[in-house]
Protein backbone atom coordinates (compact mmCIF):
# COMPACT_ATOMS: atom_id res chain seq x y z
CA UNK A 1 26.17 7.52 13.27
CA UNK A 2 27.49 3.99 12.70
CA UNK A 3 25.41 2.70 15.61
CA UNK A 4 22.22 4.26 14.23
CA UNK A 5 22.95 3.02 10.71
CA UNK A 6 23.66 -0.50 11.97
CA UNK A 7 20.54 -0.47 14.14
CA UNK A 8 18.28 0.39 11.21
CA UNK A 9 20.13 -2.05 8.94
CA UNK A 10 19.43 -4.86 11.43
CA UNK A 11 15.84 -3.69 11.96
CA UNK A 12 15.27 -3.81 8.20
CA UNK A 13 16.96 -7.20 7.84
CA UNK A 14 14.88 -8.71 10.67
CA UNK A 15 11.61 -7.39 9.18
CA UNK A 16 12.38 -7.55 5.47
CA UNK A 17 8.99 -9.08 4.62
CA UNK A 18 7.12 -6.14 6.13
CA UNK A 19 9.25 -3.59 4.29
CA UNK A 20 8.87 -5.55 1.04
CA UNK A 21 5.09 -5.71 1.51
CA UNK A 22 4.93 -1.93 1.86
CA UNK A 23 7.17 -1.42 -1.17
CA UNK A 24 5.33 -3.88 -3.39
CA UNK A 25 1.84 -2.51 -2.71
CA UNK A 26 2.90 1.14 -3.00
CA UNK A 27 4.78 0.61 -6.26
CA UNK A 28 2.09 -1.68 -7.73
CA UNK A 29 -0.54 0.93 -6.92
CA UNK A 30 1.69 3.63 -8.38
CA UNK A 31 2.37 1.60 -11.53
CA UNK A 32 -1.30 1.02 -12.26
CA UNK A 33 -2.18 4.56 -11.20
CA UNK A 34 0.36 6.03 -13.61
CA UNK A 35 -0.84 3.68 -16.36
CA UNK A 36 -4.46 4.77 -15.78
CA UNK A 37 -3.39 8.43 -15.63
CA UNK A 38 -1.54 8.18 -18.93
CA UNK A 39 -4.67 6.73 -20.57
CA UNK A 40 -6.92 9.47 -19.14
CA UNK A 41 -4.90 12.67 -18.96
CA UNK A 42 -1.32 11.95 -19.98
CA UNK A 43 1.77 11.51 -17.84
CA UNK A 44 2.15 13.97 -14.97
CA UNK A 45 5.47 14.09 -13.16
CA UNK A 46 4.01 15.41 -9.91
CA UNK A 47 1.61 12.45 -9.67
CA UNK A 48 4.43 10.02 -10.44
CA UNK A 49 6.59 11.57 -7.73
CA UNK A 50 3.73 11.10 -5.28
CA UNK A 51 4.47 7.36 -5.44
CA UNK A 52 7.98 7.96 -4.07
CA UNK A 53 6.67 10.31 -1.38
CA UNK A 54 4.09 7.73 -0.31
CA UNK A 55 6.74 4.98 -0.26
CA UNK A 56 9.17 7.04 1.82
CA UNK A 57 6.44 8.03 4.28
CA UNK A 58 5.18 4.47 4.85
CA UNK A 59 8.69 3.00 5.12
CA UNK A 60 9.52 5.62 7.75
CA UNK A 61 6.22 4.93 9.51
CA UNK A 62 6.92 1.19 9.54
CA UNK A 63 10.43 1.80 10.88
CA UNK A 64 9.04 4.00 13.69
CA UNK A 65 6.43 1.40 14.58
CA UNK A 66 9.00 -1.40 14.66
CA UNK A 67 11.34 0.64 16.87
CA UNK A 68 8.48 1.24 19.32
CA UNK A 69 7.53 -2.45 19.24
CA UNK A 70 11.11 -3.47 19.89
CA UNK A 71 11.64 -0.94 22.66
CA UNK A 72 8.44 -1.38 24.64
CA UNK A 73 6.96 -4.71 25.67
CA UNK A 74 3.27 -5.14 24.99
CA UNK A 75 3.23 -3.03 21.83
CA UNK A 76 3.58 -5.89 19.31
CA UNK A 77 0.06 -5.11 18.07
CA UNK A 78 1.03 -1.72 16.61
CA UNK A 79 2.24 -2.89 13.21
CA UNK A 80 -0.86 -5.03 12.65
CA UNK A 81 -3.18 -2.25 13.77
CA UNK A 82 -1.61 0.53 11.71
CA UNK A 83 -0.04 -1.21 8.72
CA UNK A 84 -2.65 -3.88 7.91
CA UNK A 85 -5.46 -1.40 7.09
CA UNK A 86 -3.03 0.64 4.97
CA UNK A 87 -2.09 -2.48 3.00
CA UNK A 88 -5.74 -3.45 2.48
CA UNK A 89 -6.63 0.04 1.23
CA UNK A 90 -3.62 -0.05 -1.11
CA UNK A 91 -4.77 -3.42 -2.50
CA UNK A 92 -8.23 -2.01 -3.20
CA UNK A 93 -6.58 1.01 -4.84
CA UNK A 94 -4.52 -1.34 -7.03
CA UNK A 95 -7.73 -3.01 -8.20
CA UNK A 96 -9.37 0.35 -8.94
CA UNK A 97 -6.34 1.67 -10.83
CA UNK A 98 -6.04 -1.58 -12.79
CA UNK A 99 -9.70 -1.20 -13.73
CA UNK A 100 -9.18 2.43 -14.79
CA UNK A 101 -6.18 1.35 -16.87
CA UNK A 102 -8.33 -1.25 -18.63
CA UNK A 103 -6.45 -4.27 -17.24
CA UNK A 104 -9.49 -5.74 -15.49
CA UNK A 105 -13.09 -5.27 -16.48
CA UNK A 106 -15.38 -3.05 -14.44
CA UNK A 107 -17.75 -5.99 -13.95
CA UNK A 108 -14.97 -8.02 -12.31
CA UNK A 109 -14.02 -5.08 -10.08
CA UNK A 110 -17.67 -4.68 -9.08
CA UNK A 111 -17.87 -8.37 -8.19
CA UNK A 112 -14.70 -8.15 -6.09
CA UNK A 113 -15.87 -5.04 -4.27
CA UNK A 114 -19.31 -6.58 -3.68
CA UNK A 115 -17.67 -9.62 -2.11
CA UNK A 116 -15.62 -7.38 0.15
CA UNK A 117 -18.74 -5.51 1.27
CA UNK A 118 -21.26 -8.39 1.45
CA UNK A 119 -23.09 -6.74 4.34
CA UNK A 120 -24.14 -3.88 2.05
CA UNK A 121 -25.97 -6.13 -0.42
CA UNK A 122 -25.60 -6.61 -4.17
CA UNK A 123 -25.51 -3.81 -6.73
CA UNK A 124 -28.15 -3.53 -9.39
CA UNK A 125 -27.10 -4.58 -12.88
CA UNK A 126 -28.36 -1.26 -14.30
């Protein structure tokens, strides 16, 4: 048990930035999501607990990916392929939840989303 605990301690210490990135985006999304939820429908414990479930899942997923990368040569691309899209989607969710909470204006969110999807064209002002 000590070996396994030490292994994961070292794995976490060597990749602290990746674990922090997952934690920050999940909890930021959860914070703004809870804030928006309180404004719309009141606080709901089950939705707040979903933040912890999401965090635990993605930390475990990152740990699994890093173990595979460390154990098998040629798999260094796994964390970028799996984790980067998750982080981007979480960032977009943070923007949406911040907009629903009234922190940023809908017009600003629309501009940001339009810049992300330039290939789709501009939205009409109406």
